[in-house]
Amino acid sequence: MSFSAVDVNGRFTPEFAAYTKVTLVNRFQTYGADMGISKYGNRDGITFSEFMKAIQKNRVVNPQYARALPEHEVRSSRLNAQWNGNVPFENQKLGMIEKAYALGMIGPDGVLLPSFEAIA
């Protein structure tokens, strides 16, 4: 199955916005301009397609990181919805992020893990 970052109108999808949030935005917010590279190296091991496939499998990929959505993610989402005026889009994006946290796909720093294998 193929996943697209944009919809038929050329706009980013909520799924791609969620992926971007947990790969780029959270990494920049946590580590600043360094993006954590000096500490962790390249963390871009999971592609958007792999992210979506893991979400669709709905299996915990790393039990030690499986947890509830942190409140700061909810606050950030509400602020985005307030400023961009697209509440349905923001709710869908937040739902994807919440699922990624629940499935153990997000490290303790709020950034998508560089790799994972779904547990059978």
PDB file of N, CA and C in Angstrom:
ATOM      1  N   MET A   1       0.835  -1.180   0.000  1.00  0.00           N
ATOM      2  CA  MET A   1       0.000   0.000   0.000  1.00  0.00           C
ATOM      3  C   MET A   1       0.879   1.243   0.000  1.00  0.00           C
ATOM      4  N   SER A   2       0.476   2.228  -0.745  1.00  0.00           N
ATOM      5  CA  SER A   2       1.219   3.474  -0.861  1.00  0.00           C
ATOM      6  C   SER A   2       0.541   4.564  -0.034  1.00  0.00           C
ATOM      7  N   PHE A   3       1.341   5.374   0.606  1.00  0.00           N
ATOM      8  CA  PHE A   3       0.824   6.476   1.404  1.00  0.00           C
ATOM      9  C   PHE A   3       1.324   7.772   0.795  1.00  0.00           C
ATOM     10  N   SER A   4       0.483   8.782   0.817  1.00  0.00           N
ATOM     11  CA  SER A   4       0.850  10.047   0.207  1.00  0.00           C
ATOM     12  C   SER A   4       0.928  11.153   1.251  1.00  0.00           C
ATOM     13  N   ALA A   5       1.895  12.019   1.072  1.00  0.00           N
ATOM     14  CA  ALA A   5       2.061  13.164   1.960  1.00  0.00           C
ATOM     15  C   ALA A   5       1.060  14.270   1.649  1.00  0.00           C
ATOM     16  N   VAL A   6       0.491  14.232   0.439  1.00  0.00           N
ATOM     17  CA  VAL A   6      -0.466  15.267   0.037  1.00  0.00           C
ATOM     18  C   VAL A   6      -1.760  14.637  -0.454  1.00  0.00           C
ATOM     19  N   ASP A   7      -2.836  15.382  -0.315  1.00  0.00           N
ATOM     20  CA  ASP A   7      -4.128  14.888  -0.788  1.00  0.00           C
ATOM     21  C   ASP A   7      -4.324  15.268  -2.258  1.00  0.00           C
ATOM     22  N   VAL A   8      -5.480  14.992  -2.809  1.00  0.00           N
ATOM     23  CA  VAL A   8      -5.754  15.254  -4.228  1.00  0.00           C
ATOM     24  C   VAL A   8      -5.703  16.743  -4.569  1.00  0.00           C
ATOM     25  N   ASN A   9      -5.845  17.593  -3.559  1.00  0.00           N
ATOM     26  CA  ASN A   9      -5.783  19.038  -3.779  1.00  0.00           C
ATOM     27  C   ASN A   9      -4.389  19.608  -3.545  1.00  0.00           C
ATOM     28  N   GLY A  10      -3.414  18.725  -3.288  1.00  0.00           N
ATOM     29  CA  GLY A  10      -2.047  19.173  -3.084  1.00  0.00           C
ATOM     30  C   GLY A  10      -1.751  19.661  -1.677  1.00  0.00           C
ATOM     31  N   ARG A  11      -2.663  19.424  -0.743  1.00  0.00           N
ATOM     32  CA  ARG A  11      -2.447  19.844   0.647  1.00  0.00           C
ATOM     33  C   ARG A  11      -1.875  18.678   1.445  1.00  0.00           C
ATOM     34  N   PHE A  12      -1.042  19.006   2.432  1.00  0.00           N
ATOM     35  CA  PHE A  12      -0.496  17.958   3.294  1.00  0.00           C
ATOM     36  C   PHE A  12      -1.611  17.216   3.999  1.00  0.00           C
ATOM     37  N   THR A  13      -1.425  15.919   4.163  1.00  0.00           N
ATOM     38  CA  THR A  13      -2.397  15.094   4.882  1.00  0.00           C
ATOM     39  C   THR A  13      -2.117  15.180   6.379  1.00  0.00           C
ATOM     40  N   PRO A  14      -3.135  14.936   7.212  1.00  0.00           N
ATOM     41  CA  PRO A  14      -2.909  14.920   8.663  1.00  0.00           C
ATOM     42  C   PRO A  14      -1.878  13.857   9.064  1.00  0.00           C
ATOM     43  N   GLU A  15      -1.850  12.750   8.341  1.00  0.00           N
ATOM     44  CA  GLU A  15      -0.893  11.688   8.635  1.00  0.00           C
ATOM     45  C   GLU A  15       0.550  12.158   8.418  1.00  0.00           C
ATOM     46  N   PHE A  16       0.767  12.881   7.313  1.00  0.00           N
ATOM     47  CA  PHE A  16       2.114  13.385   7.051  1.00  0.00           C
ATOM     48  C   PHE A  16       2.478  14.488   8.045  1.00  0.00           C
ATOM     49  N   ALA A  17       1.503  15.292   8.431  1.00  0.00           N
ATOM     50  CA  ALA A  17       1.743  16.334   9.434  1.00  0.00           C
ATOM     51  C   ALA A  17       2.141  15.693  10.766  1.00  0.00           C
ATOM     52  N   ALA A  18       1.509  14.577  11.123  1.00  0.00           N
ATOM     53  CA  ALA A  18       1.858  13.862  12.356  1.00  0.00           C
ATOM     54  C   ALA A  18       3.288  13.331  12.265  1.00  0.00           C
ATOM     55  N   TYR A  19       3.623  12.728  11.142  1.00  0.00           N
ATOM     56  CA  TYR A  19       4.973  12.195  10.931  1.00  0.00           C
ATOM     57  C   TYR A  19       6.005  13.323  11.043  1.00  0.00           C
ATOM     58  N   THR A  20       5.731  14.447  10.428  1.00  0.00           N
ATOM     59  CA  THR A  20       6.636  15.585  10.473  1.00  0.00           C
ATOM     60  C   THR A  20       6.790  16.106  11.903  1.00  0.00           C
ATOM     61  N   LYS A  21       5.686  16.111  12.639  1.00  0.00           N
ATOM     62  CA  LYS A  21       5.723  16.588  14.034  1.00  0.00           C
ATOM     63  C   LYS A  21       6.648  15.728  14.879  1.00  0.00           C
ATOM     64  N   VAL A  22       6.577  14.400  14.731  1.00  0.00           N
ATOM     65  CA  VAL A  22       7.372  13.521  15.591  1.00  0.00           C
ATOM     66  C   VAL A  22       8.772  13.232  15.029  1.00  0.00           C
ATOM     67  N   THR A  23       9.078  13.741  13.846  1.00  0.00           N
ATOM     68  CA  THR A  23      10.428  13.568  13.315  1.00  0.00           C
ATOM     69  C   THR A  23      11.193  14.889  13.338  1.00  0.00           C
ATOM     70  N   LEU A  24      10.622  15.929  12.808  1.00  0.00           N
ATOM     71  CA  LEU A  24      11.339  17.196  12.703  1.00  0.00           C
ATOM     72  C   LEU A  24      10.991  18.192  13.816  1.00  0.00           C
ATOM     73  N   VAL A  25       9.716  18.468  13.996  1.00  0.00           N
ATOM     74  CA  VAL A  25       9.300  19.513  14.932  1.00  0.00           C
ATOM     75  C   VAL A  25       9.733  19.175  16.359  1.00  0.00           C
ATOM     76  N   ASN A  26       9.395  17.988  16.824  1.00  0.00           N
ATOM     77  CA  ASN A  26       9.758  17.622  18.195  1.00  0.00           C
ATOM     78  C   ASN A  26      11.269  17.569  18.381  1.00  0.00           C
ATOM     79  N   ARG A  27      11.971  17.090  17.367  1.00  0.00           N
ATOM     80  CA  ARG A  27      13.432  17.031  17.462  1.00  0.00           C
ATOM     81  C   ARG A  27      14.008  18.438  17.559  1.00  0.00           C
ATOM     82  N   PHE A  28      13.516  19.358  16.762  1.00  0.00           N
ATOM     83  CA  PHE A  28      14.011  20.731  16.821  1.00  0.00           C
ATOM     84  C   PHE A  28      13.654  21.375  18.157  1.00  0.00           C
ATOM     85  N   GLN A  29      12.432  21.161  18.648  1.00  0.00           N
ATOM     86  CA  GLN A  29      12.018  21.742  19.916  1.00  0.00           C
ATOM     87  C   GLN A  29      12.845  21.194  21.084  1.00  0.00           C
ATOM     88  N   THR A  30      13.239  19.944  21.004  1.00  0.00           N
ATOM     89  CA  THR A  30      14.013  19.324  22.076  1.00  0.00           C
ATOM     90  C   THR A  30      15.490  19.689  22.015  1.00  0.00           C
ATOM     91  N   TYR A  31      16.054  19.685  20.827  1.00  0.00           N
ATOM     92  CA  TYR A  31      17.503  19.831  20.695  1.00  0.00           C
ATOM     93  C   TYR A  31      17.959  21.119  20.033  1.00  0.00           C
ATOM     94  N   GLY A  32      17.040  21.930  19.555  1.00  0.00           N
ATOM     95  CA  GLY A  32      17.418  23.169  18.897  1.00  0.00           C
ATOM     96  C   GLY A  32      18.084  22.915  17.563  1.00  0.00           C
ATOM     97  N   ALA A  33      18.939  23.826  17.174  1.00  0.00           N
ATOM     98  CA  ALA A  33      19.563  23.755  15.852  1.00  0.00           C
ATOM     99  C   ALA A  33      20.401  22.490  15.666  1.00  0.00           C
ATOM    100  N   ASP A  34      20.912  21.922  16.752  1.00  0.00           N
ATOM    101  CA  ASP A  34      21.713  20.697  16.671  1.00  0.00           C
ATOM    102  C   ASP A  34      20.852  19.499  16.263  1.00  0.00           C
ATOM    103  N   MET A  35      19.536  19.548  16.557  1.00  0.00           N
ATOM    104  CA  MET A  35      18.581  18.490  16.230  1.00  0.00           C
ATOM    105  C   MET A  35      18.949  17.155  16.865  1.00  0.00           C
ATOM    106  N   GLY A  36      19.819  17.161  17.892  1.00  0.00           N
ATOM    107  CA  GLY A  36      20.197  15.939  18.575  1.00  0.00           C
ATOM    108  C   GLY A  36      21.197  15.099  17.810  1.00  0.00           C
ATOM    109  N   ILE A  37      21.666  15.599  16.682  1.00  0.00           N
ATOM    110  CA  ILE A  37      22.546  14.808  15.819  1.00  0.00           C
ATOM    111  C   ILE A  37      23.860  14.482  16.527  1.00  0.00           C
ATOM    112  N   SER A  38      24.433  15.446  17.249  1.00  0.00           N
ATOM    113  CA  SER A  38      25.713  15.175  17.906  1.00  0.00           C
ATOM    114  C   SER A  38      25.563  14.136  19.006  1.00  0.00           C
ATOM    115  N   LYS A  39      24.399  14.065  19.616  1.00  0.00           N
ATOM    116  CA  LYS A  39      24.163  13.114  20.703  1.00  0.00           C
ATOM    117  C   LYS A  39      23.689  11.756  20.183  1.00  0.00           C
ATOM    118  N   TYR A  40      22.814  11.755  19.178  1.00  0.00           N
ATOM    119  CA  TYR A  40      22.177  10.519  18.739  1.00  0.00           C
ATOM    120  C   TYR A  40      22.502  10.100  17.316  1.00  0.00           C
ATOM    121  N   GLY A  41      23.150  10.935  16.559  1.00  0.00           N
ATOM    122  CA  GLY A  41      23.417  10.594  15.160  1.00  0.00           C
ATOM    123  C   GLY A  41      22.152  10.745  14.324  1.00  0.00           C
ATOM    124  N   ASN A  42      22.158  10.158  13.143  1.00  0.00           N
ATOM    125  CA  ASN A  42      21.012  10.244  12.239  1.00  0.00           C
ATOM    126  C   ASN A  42      19.838   9.463  12.808  1.00  0.00           C
ATOM    127  N   ARG A  43      18.688  10.128  12.957  1.00  0.00           N
ATOM    128  CA  ARG A  43      17.513   9.468  13.523  1.00  0.00           C
ATOM    129  C   ARG A  43      16.402   9.333  12.503  1.00  0.00           C
ATOM    130  N   ASP A  44      16.730   9.442  11.240  1.00  0.00           N
ATOM    131  CA  ASP A  44      15.712   9.389  10.196  1.00  0.00           C
ATOM    132  C   ASP A  44      15.590   8.001   9.590  1.00  0.00           C
ATOM    133  N   GLY A  45      15.600   6.965  10.419  1.00  0.00           N
ATOM    134  CA  GLY A  45      15.563   5.606   9.917  1.00  0.00           C
ATOM    135  C   GLY A  45      14.198   5.135   9.471  1.00  0.00           C
ATOM    136  N   ILE A  46      13.142   5.756   9.943  1.00  0.00           N
ATOM    137  CA  ILE A  46      11.779   5.344   9.616  1.00  0.00           C
ATOM    138  C   ILE A  46      11.186   6.309   8.591  1.00  0.00           C
ATOM    139  N   THR A  47      10.796   5.786   7.462  1.00  0.00           N
ATOM    140  CA  THR A  47      10.176   6.620   6.432  1.00  0.00           C
ATOM    141  C   THR A  47       8.699   6.848   6.763  1.00  0.00           C
ATOM    142  N   PHE A  48       8.093   7.758   6.061  1.00  0.00           N
ATOM    143  CA  PHE A  48       6.674   8.024   6.239  1.00  0.00           C
ATOM    144  C   PHE A  48       5.861   6.760   5.970  1.00  0.00           C
ATOM    145  N   SER A  49       6.207   6.033   4.922  1.00  0.00           N
ATOM    146  CA  SER A  49       5.489   4.804   4.579  1.00  0.00           C
ATOM    147  C   SER A  49       5.620   3.762   5.697  1.00  0.00           C
ATOM    148  N   GLU A  50       6.814   3.606   6.258  1.00  0.00           N
ATOM    149  CA  GLU A  50       7.020   2.660   7.356  1.00  0.00           C
ATOM    150  C   GLU A  50       6.250   3.089   8.604  1.00  0.00           C
ATOM    151  N   PHE A  51       6.226   4.385   8.861  1.00  0.00           N
ATOM    152  CA  PHE A  51       5.458   4.940   9.976  1.00  0.00           C
ATOM    153  C   PHE A  51       3.985   4.568   9.832  1.00  0.00           C
ATOM    154  N   MET A  52       3.437   4.776   8.640  1.00  0.00           N
ATOM    155  CA  MET A  52       2.026   4.486   8.408  1.00  0.00           C
ATOM    156  C   MET A  52       1.733   2.991   8.494  1.00  0.00           C
ATOM    157  N   LYS A  53       2.618   2.162   7.972  1.00  0.00           N
ATOM    158  CA  LYS A  53       2.417   0.711   8.050  1.00  0.00           C
ATOM    159  C   LYS A  53       2.395   0.245   9.504  1.00  0.00           C
ATOM    160  N   ALA A  54       3.286   0.795  10.328  1.00  0.00           N
ATOM    161  CA  ALA A  54       3.319   0.428  11.748  1.00  0.00           C
ATOM    162  C   ALA A  54       2.041   0.878  12.451  1.00  0.00           C
ATOM    163  N   ILE A  55       1.552   2.056  12.111  1.00  0.00           N
ATOM    164  CA  ILE A  55       0.298   2.558  12.694  1.00  0.00           C
ATOM    165  C   ILE A  55      -0.843   1.613  12.305  1.00  0.00           C
ATOM    166  N   GLN A  56      -0.897   1.224  11.032  1.00  0.00           N
ATOM    167  CA  GLN A  56      -1.983   0.368  10.559  1.00  0.00           C
ATOM    168  C   GLN A  56      -1.946  -1.027  11.177  1.00  0.00           C
ATOM    169  N   LYS A  57      -0.751  -1.543  11.456  1.00  0.00           N
ATOM    170  CA  LYS A  57      -0.648  -2.862  12.085  1.00  0.00           C
ATOM    171  C   LYS A  57      -1.236  -2.846  13.497  1.00  0.00           C
ATOM    172  N   ASN A  58      -1.202  -1.673  14.123  1.00  0.00           N
ATOM    173  CA  ASN A  58      -1.791  -1.477  15.446  1.00  0.00           C
ATOM    174  C   ASN A  58      -1.209  -2.451  16.484  1.00  0.00           C
ATOM    175  N   ARG A  59       0.111  -2.660  16.408  1.00  0.00           N
ATOM    176  CA  ARG A  59       0.814  -3.507  17.371  1.00  0.00           C
ATOM    177  C   ARG A  59       1.896  -2.683  18.061  1.00  0.00           C
ATOM    178  N   VAL A  60       2.079  -2.913  19.329  1.00  0.00           N
ATOM    179  CA  VAL A  60       3.133  -2.222  20.061  1.00  0.00           C
ATOM    180  C   VAL A  60       4.476  -2.647  19.476  1.00  0.00           C
ATOM    181  N   VAL A  61       5.292  -1.667  19.109  1.00  0.00           N
ATOM    182  CA  VAL A  61       6.587  -1.965  18.502  1.00  0.00           C
ATOM    183  C   VAL A  61       7.717  -1.900  19.521  1.00  0.00           C
ATOM    184  N   ASN A  62       7.495  -1.210  20.621  1.00  0.00           N
ATOM    185  CA  ASN A  62       8.499  -1.118  21.676  1.00  0.00           C
ATOM    186  C   ASN A  62       7.775  -0.888  22.996  1.00  0.00           C
ATOM    187  N   PRO A  63       7.513  -1.970  23.753  1.00  0.00           N
ATOM    188  CA  PRO A  63       6.711  -1.862  24.978  1.00  0.00           C
ATOM    189  C   PRO A  63       7.261  -0.874  26.001  1.00  0.00           C
ATOM    190  N   GLN A  64       8.565  -0.710  26.059  1.00  0.00           N
ATOM    191  CA  GLN A  64       9.113   0.200  27.068  1.00  0.00           C
ATOM    192  C   GLN A  64       8.765   1.656  26.791  1.00  0.00           C
ATOM    193  N   TYR A  65       8.404   1.979  25.566  1.00  0.00           N
ATOM    194  CA  TYR A  65       8.033   3.353  25.218  1.00  0.00           C
ATOM    195  C   TYR A  65       6.533   3.555  25.024  1.00  0.00           C
ATOM    196  N   ALA A  66       5.751   2.503  25.092  1.00  0.00           N
ATOM    197  CA  ALA A  66       4.296   2.623  24.919  1.00  0.00           C
ATOM    198  C   ALA A  66       3.725   3.383  26.111  1.00  0.00           C
ATOM    199  N   ARG A  67       3.038   4.489  25.809  1.00  0.00           N
ATOM    200  CA  ARG A  67       2.499   5.335  26.876  1.00  0.00           C
ATOM    201  C   ARG A  67       1.408   6.245  26.331  1.00  0.00           C
ATOM    202  N   ALA A  68       0.765   6.913  27.275  1.00  0.00           N
ATOM    203  CA  ALA A  68      -0.292   7.856  26.904  1.00  0.00           C
ATOM    204  C   ALA A  68       0.323   9.105  26.270  1.00  0.00           C
ATOM    205  N   LEU A  69      -0.498   9.802  25.531  1.00  0.00           N
ATOM    206  CA  LEU A  69      -0.094  11.051  24.892  1.00  0.00           C
ATOM    207  C   LEU A  69       0.237  12.088  25.961  1.00  0.00           C
ATOM    208  N   PRO A  70       1.428  12.686  25.922  1.00  0.00           N
ATOM    209  CA  PRO A  70       1.775  13.718  26.903  1.00  0.00           C
ATOM    210  C   PRO A  70       0.919  14.975  26.732  1.00  0.00           C
ATOM    211  N   GLU A  71       0.668  15.630  27.828  1.00  0.00           N
ATOM    212  CA  GLU A  71      -0.175  16.830  27.822  1.00  0.00           C
ATOM    213  C   GLU A  71       0.418  17.932  26.936  1.00  0.00           C
ATOM    214  N   HIS A  72       1.728  18.030  26.857  1.00  0.00           N
ATOM    215  CA  HIS A  72       2.322  19.088  26.028  1.00  0.00           C
ATOM    216  C   HIS A  72       1.964  18.911  24.556  1.00  0.00           C
ATOM    217  N   GLU A  73       1.759  17.662  24.109  1.00  0.00           N
ATOM    218  CA  GLU A  73       1.338  17.424  22.722  1.00  0.00           C
ATOM    219  C   GLU A  73      -0.090  17.920  22.505  1.00  0.00           C
ATOM    220  N   VAL A  74      -0.934  17.724  23.495  1.00  0.00           N
ATOM    221  CA  VAL A  74      -2.325  18.198  23.410  1.00  0.00           C
ATOM    222  C   VAL A  74      -2.341  19.725  23.373  1.00  0.00           C
ATOM    223  N   ARG A  75      -1.560  20.359  24.241  1.00  0.00           N
ATOM    224  CA  ARG A  75      -1.507  21.832  24.260  1.00  0.00           C
ATOM    225  C   ARG A  75      -1.004  22.374  22.927  1.00  0.00           C
ATOM    226  N   SER A  76       0.036  21.751  22.400  1.00  0.00           N
ATOM    227  CA  SER A  76       0.590  22.181  21.119  1.00  0.00           C
ATOM    228  C   SER A  76      -0.446  22.067  20.007  1.00  0.00           C
ATOM    229  N   SER A  77      -1.191  20.971  20.019  1.00  0.00           N
ATOM    230  CA  SER A  77      -2.218  20.748  19.004  1.00  0.00           C
ATOM    231  C   SER A  77      -3.334  21.787  19.109  1.00  0.00           C
ATOM    232  N   ARG A  78      -3.755  22.073  20.326  1.00  0.00           N
ATOM    233  CA  ARG A  78      -4.816  23.080  20.516  1.00  0.00           C
ATOM    234  C   ARG A  78      -4.364  24.446  20.028  1.00  0.00           C
ATOM    235  N   LEU A  79      -3.116  24.779  20.296  1.00  0.00           N
ATOM    236  CA  LEU A  79      -2.585  26.058  19.829  1.00  0.00           C
ATOM    237  C   LEU A  79      -2.551  26.096  18.303  1.00  0.00           C
ATOM    238  N   ASN A  80      -2.101  25.010  17.687  1.00  0.00           N
ATOM    239  CA  ASN A  80      -2.096  24.945  16.221  1.00  0.00           C
ATOM    240  C   ASN A  80      -3.499  25.106  15.657  1.00  0.00           C
ATOM    241  N   ALA A  81      -4.469  24.417  16.245  1.00  0.00           N
ATOM    242  CA  ALA A  81      -5.852  24.507  15.770  1.00  0.00           C
ATOM    243  C   ALA A  81      -6.377  25.933  15.894  1.00  0.00           C
ATOM    244  N   GLN A  82      -6.011  26.582  16.981  1.00  0.00           N
ATOM    245  CA  GLN A  82      -6.448  27.968  17.196  1.00  0.00           C
ATOM    246  C   GLN A  82      -5.872  28.887  16.117  1.00  0.00           C
ATOM    247  N   TRP A  83      -4.609  28.695  15.774  1.00  0.00           N
ATOM    248  CA  TRP A  83      -3.961  29.580  14.819  1.00  0.00           C
ATOM    249  C   TRP A  83      -4.253  29.229  13.369  1.00  0.00           C
ATOM    250  N   ASN A  84      -4.382  27.936  13.066  1.00  0.00           N
ATOM    251  CA  ASN A  84      -4.604  27.597  11.654  1.00  0.00           C
ATOM    252  C   ASN A  84      -6.083  27.476  11.304  1.00  0.00           C
ATOM    253  N   GLY A  85      -6.947  27.406  12.314  1.00  0.00           N
ATOM    254  CA  GLY A  85      -8.383  27.377  12.083  1.00  0.00           C
ATOM    255  C   GLY A  85      -8.919  26.083  11.490  1.00  0.00           C
ATOM    256  N   ASN A  86      -8.091  25.055  11.429  1.00  0.00           N
ATOM    257  CA  ASN A  86      -8.526  23.794  10.833  1.00  0.00           C
ATOM    258  C   ASN A  86      -8.555  22.715  11.918  1.00  0.00           C
ATOM    259  N   VAL A  87      -9.579  22.767  12.741  1.00  0.00           N
ATOM    260  CA  VAL A  87      -9.699  21.860  13.883  1.00  0.00           C
ATOM    261  C   VAL A  87      -9.791  20.394  13.451  1.00  0.00           C
ATOM    262  N   PRO A  88     -10.587  20.035  12.432  1.00  0.00           N
ATOM    263  CA  PRO A  88     -10.648  18.627  12.036  1.00  0.00           C
ATOM    264  C   PRO A  88      -9.280  18.065  11.615  1.00  0.00           C
ATOM    265  N   PHE A  89      -8.526  18.836  10.849  1.00  0.00           N
ATOM    266  CA  PHE A  89      -7.184  18.419  10.431  1.00  0.00           C
ATOM    267  C   PHE A  89      -6.308  18.202  11.655  1.00  0.00           C
ATOM    268  N   GLU A  90      -6.320  19.152  12.560  1.00  0.00           N
ATOM    269  CA  GLU A  90      -5.479  19.078  13.760  1.00  0.00           C
ATOM    270  C   GLU A  90      -5.883  17.906  14.644  1.00  0.00           C
ATOM    271  N   ASN A  91      -7.176  17.625  14.745  1.00  0.00           N
ATOM    272  CA  ASN A  91      -7.637  16.479  15.534  1.00  0.00           C
ATOM    273  C   ASN A  91      -7.167  15.155  14.927  1.00  0.00           C
ATOM    274  N   GLN A  92      -7.195  15.062  13.598  1.00  0.00           N
ATOM    275  CA  GLN A  92      -6.713  13.853  12.925  1.00  0.00           C
ATOM    276  C   GLN A  92      -5.215  13.688  13.140  1.00  0.00           C
ATOM    277  N   LYS A  93      -4.486  14.783  13.025  1.00  0.00           N
ATOM    278  CA  LYS A  93      -3.043  14.746  13.242  1.00  0.00           C
ATOM    279  C   LYS A  93      -2.733  14.298  14.668  1.00  0.00           C
ATOM    280  N   LEU A  94      -3.412  14.871  15.631  1.00  0.00           N
ATOM    281  CA  LEU A  94      -3.189  14.513  17.028  1.00  0.00           C
ATOM    282  C   LEU A  94      -3.546  13.051  17.288  1.00  0.00           C
ATOM    283  N   GLY A  95      -4.588  12.556  16.641  1.00  0.00           N
ATOM    284  CA  GLY A  95      -4.966  11.152  16.784  1.00  0.00           C
ATOM    285  C   GLY A  95      -3.861  10.215  16.306  1.00  0.00           C
ATOM    286  N   MET A  96      -3.199  10.579  15.218  1.00  0.00           N
ATOM    287  CA  MET A  96      -2.079   9.779  14.716  1.00  0.00           C
ATOM    288  C   MET A  96      -0.908   9.804  15.698  1.00  0.00           C
ATOM    289  N   ILE A  97      -0.630  10.967  16.240  1.00  0.00           N
ATOM    290  CA  ILE A  97       0.466  11.102  17.207  1.00  0.00           C
ATOM    291  C   ILE A  97       0.153  10.300  18.465  1.00  0.00           C
ATOM    292  N   GLU A  98      -1.094  10.369  18.906  1.00  0.00           N
ATOM    293  CA  GLU A  98      -1.509   9.619  20.093  1.00  0.00           C
ATOM    294  C   GLU A  98      -1.316   8.109  19.870  1.00  0.00           C
ATOM    295  N   LYS A  99      -1.666   7.649  18.694  1.00  0.00           N
ATOM    296  CA  LYS A  99      -1.514   6.223  18.381  1.00  0.00           C
ATOM    297  C   LYS A  99      -0.038   5.839  18.355  1.00  0.00           C
ATOM    298  N   ALA A 100       0.811   6.703  17.812  1.00  0.00           N
ATOM    299  CA  ALA A 100       2.248   6.426  17.775  1.00  0.00           C
ATOM    300  C   ALA A 100       2.819   6.304  19.191  1.00  0.00           C
ATOM    301  N   TYR A 101       2.373   7.162  20.094  1.00  0.00           N
ATOM    302  CA  TYR A 101       2.814   7.056  21.491  1.00  0.00           C
ATOM    303  C   TYR A 101       2.319   5.737  22.092  1.00  0.00           C
ATOM    304  N   ALA A 102       1.077   5.412  21.882  1.00  0.00           N
ATOM    305  CA  ALA A 102       0.494   4.194  22.456  1.00  0.00           C
ATOM    306  C   ALA A 102       1.176   2.935  21.937  1.00  0.00           C
ATOM    307  N   LEU A 103       1.682   2.974  20.714  1.00  0.00           N
ATOM    308  CA  LEU A 103       2.332   1.815  20.115  1.00  0.00           C
ATOM    309  C   LEU A 103       3.835   1.755  20.408  1.00  0.00           C
ATOM    310  N   GLY A 104       4.330   2.701  21.201  1.00  0.00           N
ATOM    311  CA  GLY A 104       5.743   2.681  21.571  1.00  0.00           C
ATOM    312  C   GLY A 104       6.674   3.102  20.460  1.00  0.00           C
ATOM    313  N   MET A 105       6.198   3.944  19.568  1.00  0.00           N
ATOM    314  CA  MET A 105       6.990   4.383  18.428  1.00  0.00           C
ATOM    315  C   MET A 105       7.795   5.658  18.713  1.00  0.00           C
ATOM    316  N   ILE A 106       7.497   6.295  19.845  1.00  0.00           N
ATOM    317  CA  ILE A 106       8.095   7.590  20.169  1.00  0.00           C
ATOM    318  C   ILE A 106       9.033   7.432  21.358  1.00  0.00           C
ATOM    319  N   GLY A 107      10.260   7.924  21.218  1.00  0.00           N
ATOM    320  CA  GLY A 107      11.246   7.835  22.290  1.00  0.00           C
ATOM    321  C   GLY A 107      10.921   8.785  23.435  1.00  0.00           C
ATOM    322  N   PRO A 108      11.708   8.729  24.493  1.00  0.00           N
ATOM    323  CA  PRO A 108      11.448   9.572  25.665  1.00  0.00           C
ATOM    324  C   PRO A 108      11.587  11.066  25.380  1.00  0.00           C
ATOM    325  N   ASP A 109      12.252  11.405  24.297  1.00  0.00           N
ATOM    326  CA  ASP A 109      12.422  12.811  23.932  1.00  0.00           C
ATOM    327  C   ASP A 109      11.295  13.319  23.029  1.00  0.00           C
ATOM    328  N   GLY A 110      10.300  12.480  22.756  1.00  0.00           N
ATOM    329  CA  GLY A 110       9.176  12.895  21.916  1.00  0.00           C
ATOM    330  C   GLY A 110       9.428  12.735  20.436  1.00  0.00           C
ATOM    331  N   VAL A 111      10.544  12.113  20.074  1.00  0.00           N
ATOM    332  CA  VAL A 111      10.937  11.965  18.677  1.00  0.00           C
ATOM    333  C   VAL A 111      10.727  10.503  18.246  1.00  0.00           C
ATOM    334  N   LEU A 112      10.285  10.325  17.010  1.00  0.00           N
ATOM    335  CA  LEU A 112      10.090   8.986  16.446  1.00  0.00           C
ATOM    336  C   LEU A 112      11.384   8.192  16.584  1.00  0.00           C
ATOM    337  N   LEU A 113      11.274   6.956  17.057  1.00  0.00           N
ATOM    338  CA  LEU A 113      12.441   6.099  17.195  1.00  0.00           C
ATOM    339  C   LEU A 113      13.071   5.855  15.826  1.00  0.00           C
ATOM    340  N   PRO A 114      14.385   5.663  15.759  1.00  0.00           N
ATOM    341  CA  PRO A 114      15.059   5.505  14.465  1.00  0.00           C
ATOM    342  C   PRO A 114      14.780   4.173  13.791  1.00  0.00           C
ATOM    343  N   SER A 115      14.314   3.180  14.564  1.00  0.00           N
ATOM    344  CA  SER A 115      13.957   1.890  13.976  1.00  0.00           C
ATOM    345  C   SER A 115      13.118   1.132  14.984  1.00  0.00           C
ATOM    346  N   PHE A 116      12.344   0.193  14.479  1.00  0.00           N
ATOM    347  CA  PHE A 116      11.573  -0.696  15.346  1.00  0.00           C
ATOM    348  C   PHE A 116      11.077  -1.875  14.529  1.00  0.00           C
ATOM    349  N   GLU A 117      10.849  -2.947  15.231  1.00  0.00           N
ATOM    350  CA  GLU A 117      10.272  -4.147  14.636  1.00  0.00           C
ATOM    351  C   GLU A 117       8.990  -4.446  15.377  1.00  0.00           C
ATOM    352  N   ALA A 118       7.940  -4.660  14.670  1.00  0.00           N
ATOM    353  CA  ALA A 118       6.662  -4.987  15.310  1.00  0.00           C
ATOM    354  C   ALA A 118       6.778  -6.348  16.002  1.00  0.00           C
ATOM    355  N   ILE A 119       6.255  -6.409  17.193  1.00  0.00           N
ATOM    356  CA  ILE A 119       6.242  -7.661  17.945  1.00  0.00           C
ATOM    357  C   ILE A 119       5.050  -8.467  17.481  1.00  0.00           C
ATOM    358  N   ALA A 120       5.283  -9.728  17.137  1.00  0.00           N
ATOM    359  CA  ALA A 120       4.219 -10.578  16.603  1.00  0.00           C
ATOM    360  C   ALA A 120       3.164 -10.887  17.623  1.00  0.00           C
TER     361      ALA A 120
END
